[in-house]
């Protein structure tokens, strides 16, 4: 049996059009309706009662089954009240939510795995919605790119989605961090590929499965509209580097999986690839 990839949702976040698609996807050759990501709506209600346009995006982690060790990609969205309060201090009042069926421990249990059994956690980058449950995995080694650490630990004011109050999520696993620099194969079926672009050390995960090489893009590709239009999301560190990454993904992967898009379940209704 080949490697399988399981999609486990840990909550949802509001995303505006400008965040989902750079410059809101405005272009004379793209019809207005063709630039909207899947699930875009005009009735998102925030805590203050105001109503906004946008999309509620899933915040997934990815469990790999069939590898030599038990591997998890990212740890997802942490306590939603803590996240909402933290973001509001920086002028971000987007909705964070979690339904009863979006529990990480229960999601792992559905595949016969407990947090204690996870051997390796790949942190694709260190934005808050990718490290929120680090402390749940007491026996895991955490792999991260070297260039991610400075901004996660002491972010400049202009670095969105890194918050100094959240650096404790890295401190909680500091003694188990494996810091890498560049591309690394961690299993015969799993290769970590440093792309950058979205953040200084953002990496994707290439997984060999029975249906081909699957690229878990992290936030290199936020949604399927980024993939369809070859158009990046609005949050980036180095745009030329990001677009070079898009080219590499198309060269090396058979299946490309954007990170934050409910359309994934239309493409893969079982929630599993492979």
Protein backbone atom coordinates (compact mmCIF):
# COMPACT_ATOMS: atom_id res chain seq x y z
CA UNK A 1 0.00 0.00 0.00
CA UNK A 2 1.30 3.45 -0.91
CA UNK A 3 1.32 6.56 1.22
CA UNK A 4 -2.02 8.20 1.94
CA UNK A 5 -2.59 11.84 2.87
CA UNK A 6 -5.45 12.70 5.22
CA UNK A 7 -6.97 16.21 5.44
CA UNK A 8 -7.88 17.14 9.04
CA UNK A 9 -9.51 20.54 9.61
CA UNK A 10 -8.75 22.39 12.86
CA UNK A 11 -11.03 25.40 12.37
CA UNK A 12 -11.87 28.20 9.95
CA UNK A 13 -10.61 31.73 9.36
CA UNK A 14 -12.13 34.60 7.47
CA UNK A 15 -10.15 35.67 4.41
CA UNK A 16 -10.83 38.79 2.38
CA UNK A 17 -10.55 38.86 -1.40
CA UNK A 18 -7.34 40.93 -1.31
CA UNK A 19 -5.73 38.32 0.95
CA UNK A 20 -6.96 35.38 -1.12
CA UNK A 21 -5.89 36.76 -4.52
CA UNK A 22 -3.25 39.46 -5.02
CA UNK A 23 -4.79 42.82 -6.03
CA UNK A 24 -8.18 41.11 -5.62
CA UNK A 25 -7.60 39.39 -8.97
CA UNK A 26 -8.51 42.49 -10.94
CA UNK A 27 -7.52 42.17 -14.60
CA UNK A 28 -9.26 43.14 -17.87
CA UNK A 29 -9.08 39.54 -19.11
CA UNK A 30 -10.66 38.07 -15.97
CA UNK A 31 -14.40 38.42 -15.44
CA UNK A 32 -15.31 39.59 -11.92
CA UNK A 33 -16.99 36.31 -11.05
CA UNK A 34 -14.00 34.29 -12.28
CA UNK A 35 -11.60 35.84 -9.77
CA UNK A 36 -13.58 34.88 -6.68
CA UNK A 37 -12.31 31.94 -4.63
CA UNK A 38 -14.59 29.00 -3.86
CA UNK A 39 -17.14 29.82 -1.19
CA UNK A 40 -16.89 33.61 -1.51
CA UNK A 41 -19.89 35.27 0.12
CA UNK A 42 -21.26 38.62 1.23
CA UNK A 43 -22.65 37.71 4.66
CA UNK A 44 -19.76 37.06 7.04
CA UNK A 45 -20.77 38.50 10.41
CA UNK A 46 -17.99 39.60 12.77
CA UNK A 47 -18.19 39.84 16.56
CA UNK A 48 -19.12 43.52 16.42
CA UNK A 49 -22.13 42.68 14.23
CA UNK A 50 -20.69 44.17 11.05
CA UNK A 51 -21.20 42.24 7.82
CA UNK A 52 -18.40 41.67 5.32
CA UNK A 53 -17.58 39.98 2.03
CA UNK A 54 -15.02 37.21 2.00
CA UNK A 55 -14.59 33.49 2.44
CA UNK A 56 -14.32 31.26 5.48
CA UNK A 57 -11.33 29.04 4.76
CA UNK A 58 -10.41 25.75 6.41
CA UNK A 59 -7.23 25.51 8.46
CA UNK A 60 -6.02 21.96 7.86
CA UNK A 61 -3.25 19.72 9.01
CA UNK A 62 -2.17 16.74 6.92
CA UNK A 63 -1.60 13.28 8.36
CA UNK A 64 0.63 10.98 6.30
CA UNK A 65 -0.17 7.27 6.50
CA UNK A 66 2.19 4.58 5.23
CA UNK A 67 5.48 6.41 5.84
CA UNK A 68 8.28 4.87 7.90
CA UNK A 69 7.39 7.16 10.82
CA UNK A 70 4.13 8.88 11.74
CA UNK A 71 4.29 12.32 10.13
CA UNK A 72 2.01 15.34 10.55
CA UNK A 73 2.22 18.46 8.41
CA UNK A 74 1.60 21.57 10.56
CA UNK A 75 -0.44 21.72 13.77
CA UNK A 76 -3.21 24.06 12.70
CA UNK A 77 -5.37 26.59 14.47
CA UNK A 78 -5.04 26.90 18.23
CA UNK A 79 -7.50 28.35 20.73
CA UNK A 80 -9.81 30.54 18.66
CA UNK A 81 -10.53 33.06 21.42
CA UNK A 82 -6.80 33.54 21.98
CA UNK A 83 -6.26 33.94 18.24
CA UNK A 84 -9.09 36.47 17.84
CA UNK A 85 -7.88 38.54 20.81
CA UNK A 86 -4.27 38.44 19.61
CA UNK A 87 -5.11 39.50 16.06
CA UNK A 88 -7.42 42.28 17.19
CA UNK A 89 -4.48 43.98 18.91
CA UNK A 90 -2.95 44.36 15.44
CA UNK A 91 -6.10 45.63 13.76
CA UNK A 92 -7.18 42.28 12.32
CA UNK A 93 -10.80 41.59 13.25
CA UNK A 94 -11.42 38.62 10.98
CA UNK A 95 -13.59 35.78 12.24
CA UNK A 96 -11.97 32.68 13.72
CA UNK A 97 -14.25 29.72 14.37
CA UNK A 98 -14.26 26.04 15.18
CA UNK A 99 -17.15 23.59 14.94
CA UNK A 100 -17.46 20.47 17.07
CA UNK A 101 -16.19 18.25 14.26
CA UNK A 102 -13.04 20.36 13.77
CA UNK A 103 -11.13 18.94 16.72
CA UNK A 104 -7.55 17.92 15.98
CA UNK A 105 -7.34 15.11 18.50
CA UNK A 106 -10.62 13.63 17.25
CA UNK A 107 -9.46 14.05 13.66
CA UNK A 108 -6.32 12.07 14.36
CA UNK A 109 -8.33 9.43 16.26
CA UNK A 110 -10.52 8.91 13.18
CA UNK A 111 -7.36 7.55 11.52
CA UNK A 112 -6.30 5.50 14.53
CA UNK A 113 -3.58 7.90 15.73
CA UNK A 114 -3.05 9.73 19.01
CA UNK A 115 -0.96 12.92 19.39
CA UNK A 116 1.58 10.96 21.46
CA UNK A 117 2.20 8.63 18.51
CA UNK A 118 3.25 11.37 16.09
CA UNK A 119 7.00 11.06 15.45
CA UNK A 120 7.59 14.03 13.15
CA UNK A 121 5.81 17.36 12.73
CA UNK A 122 6.71 19.37 9.64
CA UNK A 123 6.19 23.09 10.25
CA UNK A 124 5.86 24.44 6.73
CA UNK A 125 6.19 27.97 8.12
CA UNK A 126 5.53 29.67 11.43
CA UNK A 127 2.43 31.76 10.90
CA UNK A 128 -0.02 31.43 13.78
CA UNK A 129 -2.43 29.10 11.99
CA UNK A 130 0.28 26.52 11.29
CA UNK A 131 1.73 26.20 14.81
CA UNK A 132 -1.34 26.53 17.02
CA UNK A 133 -1.28 23.04 18.54
CA UNK A 134 2.46 22.36 18.81
CA UNK A 135 2.21 21.50 22.49
CA UNK A 136 -0.14 18.57 21.76
CA UNK A 137 2.73 16.45 20.42
CA UNK A 138 5.07 15.60 23.30
CA UNK A 139 7.11 12.96 21.48
CA UNK A 140 7.51 14.53 18.08
CA UNK A 141 10.52 16.07 16.38
CA UNK A 142 9.60 19.40 14.74
CA UNK A 143 11.23 20.29 11.43
CA UNK A 144 11.44 23.92 10.33
CA UNK A 145 13.48 25.98 7.88
CA UNK A 146 16.20 28.16 9.42
CA UNK A 147 14.88 31.34 7.81
CA UNK A 148 11.51 31.02 9.54
CA UNK A 149 12.79 31.45 13.08
CA UNK A 150 13.84 35.14 13.23
CA UNK A 151 10.44 36.51 12.25
CA UNK A 152 8.52 34.02 14.37
CA UNK A 153 10.54 34.91 17.48
CA UNK A 154 10.94 38.66 16.99
CA UNK A 155 8.78 39.81 14.09
CA UNK A 156 9.13 43.32 12.65
CA UNK A 157 5.96 45.40 12.87
CA UNK A 158 5.25 44.96 9.17
CA UNK A 159 5.23 41.14 9.22
CA UNK A 160 1.60 40.07 9.19
CA UNK A 161 0.55 36.77 10.79
CA UNK A 162 3.66 36.42 12.94
CA UNK A 163 2.81 37.61 16.45
CA UNK A 164 5.36 38.00 19.27
CA UNK A 165 2.72 36.83 21.76
CA UNK A 166 2.63 33.50 19.92
CA UNK A 167 6.35 32.78 20.06
CA UNK A 168 5.64 30.53 23.04
CA UNK A 169 4.36 27.98 20.54
CA UNK A 170 7.95 27.66 19.29
CA UNK A 171 9.42 27.80 22.79
CA UNK A 172 7.21 24.84 23.77
CA UNK A 173 9.08 22.57 21.32
CA UNK A 174 12.46 24.29 21.16
CA UNK A 175 14.35 21.30 22.54
CA UNK A 176 12.90 19.15 19.75
CA UNK A 177 13.39 21.49 16.80
CA UNK A 178 15.34 20.18 13.83
CA UNK A 179 16.41 23.24 11.87
CA UNK A 180 17.08 22.68 8.17
CA UNK A 181 18.22 24.90 5.33
CA UNK A 182 16.97 23.93 1.90
CA UNK A 183 15.48 20.76 0.45
CA UNK A 184 15.55 17.63 2.61
CA UNK A 185 14.20 14.11 2.09
CA UNK A 186 12.84 12.86 5.42
CA UNK A 187 11.34 9.58 4.18
CA UNK A 188 11.63 7.60 0.92
CA UNK A 189 8.22 9.05 0.02
CA UNK A 190 8.48 12.55 1.55
CA UNK A 191 10.63 15.48 0.43
CA UNK A 192 10.60 18.95 1.95
CA UNK A 193 11.16 21.66 -0.64
CA UNK A 194 12.05 25.19 0.41
CA UNK A 195 10.21 27.73 -1.73
CA UNK A 196 10.16 30.93 0.32
CA UNK A 197 8.02 33.57 -1.33
CA UNK A 198 5.09 33.62 1.07
CA UNK A 199 7.47 33.79 4.05
CA UNK A 200 11.28 33.64 4.13
CA UNK A 201 11.42 29.92 4.86
CA UNK A 202 8.08 28.61 3.65
CA UNK A 203 8.32 25.05 2.33
CA UNK A 204 6.07 22.62 0.51
CA UNK A 205 5.84 18.87 1.08
CA UNK A 206 6.20 16.52 -1.87
CA UNK A 207 4.65 13.10 -1.18
CA UNK A 208 4.93 10.07 -3.44
CA UNK A 209 1.61 8.24 -3.56
CA UNK A 210 -0.04 5.62 -5.76
CA UNK A 211 -1.72 8.43 -7.71
CA UNK A 212 1.53 10.34 -8.31
CA UNK A 213 3.61 12.96 -6.56
CA UNK A 214 1.33 15.17 -4.48
CA UNK A 215 2.45 18.66 -3.46
CA UNK A 216 1.03 19.98 -0.21
CA UNK A 217 1.64 23.63 -0.94
CA UNK A 218 1.20 25.20 2.49
CA UNK A 219 0.45 28.88 1.82
CA UNK A 220 2.52 28.98 -1.36
CA UNK A 221 -0.89 28.38 -2.95
CA UNK A 222 -3.64 29.53 -0.65
CA UNK A 223 -6.60 28.41 -2.76
CA UNK A 224 -7.56 26.78 -6.05
CA UNK A 225 -8.04 30.19 -7.69
CA UNK A 226 -4.28 30.80 -7.20
CA UNK A 227 -3.68 27.49 -8.98
CA UNK A 228 -6.24 28.02 -11.75
CA UNK A 229 -5.12 31.55 -12.65
CA UNK A 230 -1.44 31.10 -11.73
CA UNK A 231 -2.08 34.15 -9.57
CA UNK A 232 -0.63 34.40 -6.03
CA UNK A 233 -2.38 35.24 -2.79
CA UNK A 234 -2.05 38.74 -1.37
CA UNK A 235 0.28 37.91 1.52
CA UNK A 236 3.85 37.45 0.30
CA UNK A 237 7.45 38.13 1.30
CA UNK A 238 9.20 37.89 -2.07
CA UNK A 239 6.92 37.88 -5.10
CA UNK A 240 9.46 36.84 -7.78
CA UNK A 241 10.60 34.00 -5.51
CA UNK A 242 7.00 32.96 -4.98
CA UNK A 243 6.26 32.81 -8.72
CA UNK A 244 9.45 30.82 -9.34
CA UNK A 245 8.05 28.43 -6.77
CA UNK A 246 4.81 28.11 -8.75
CA UNK A 247 6.88 27.09 -11.77
CA UNK A 248 8.74 24.49 -9.74
CA UNK A 249 5.55 22.98 -8.34
CA UNK A 250 4.15 22.56 -11.84
CA UNK A 251 7.37 20.88 -12.97
CA UNK A 252 7.73 18.46 -10.07
CA UNK A 253 4.23 17.58 -8.87
CA UNK A 254 1.47 15.54 -10.48
CA UNK A 255 -1.20 16.84 -8.09
CA UNK A 256 -1.04 20.27 -6.46
CA UNK A 257 -3.09 20.84 -3.31
CA UNK A 258 -3.73 24.46 -2.25
CA UNK A 259 -3.79 24.87 1.52
CA UNK A 260 -6.87 26.84 2.56
CA UNK A 261 -9.81 25.95 0.33
CA UNK A 262 -12.98 23.95 0.95
CA UNK A 263 -12.92 23.11 -2.75
CA UNK A 264 -10.41 20.41 -1.74
CA UNK A 265 -13.35 18.28 -0.61
CA UNK A 266 -15.02 18.68 -4.02
CA UNK A 267 -11.83 17.44 -5.67
CA UNK A 268 -11.23 14.74 -3.01
CA UNK A 269 -14.59 13.96 -1.34
CA UNK A 270 -13.16 11.32 1.00
CA UNK A 271 -10.70 13.83 2.44
CA UNK A 272 -7.89 11.42 1.58
CA UNK A 273 -5.44 11.35 -1.33
CA UNK A 274 -3.72 8.14 -2.37
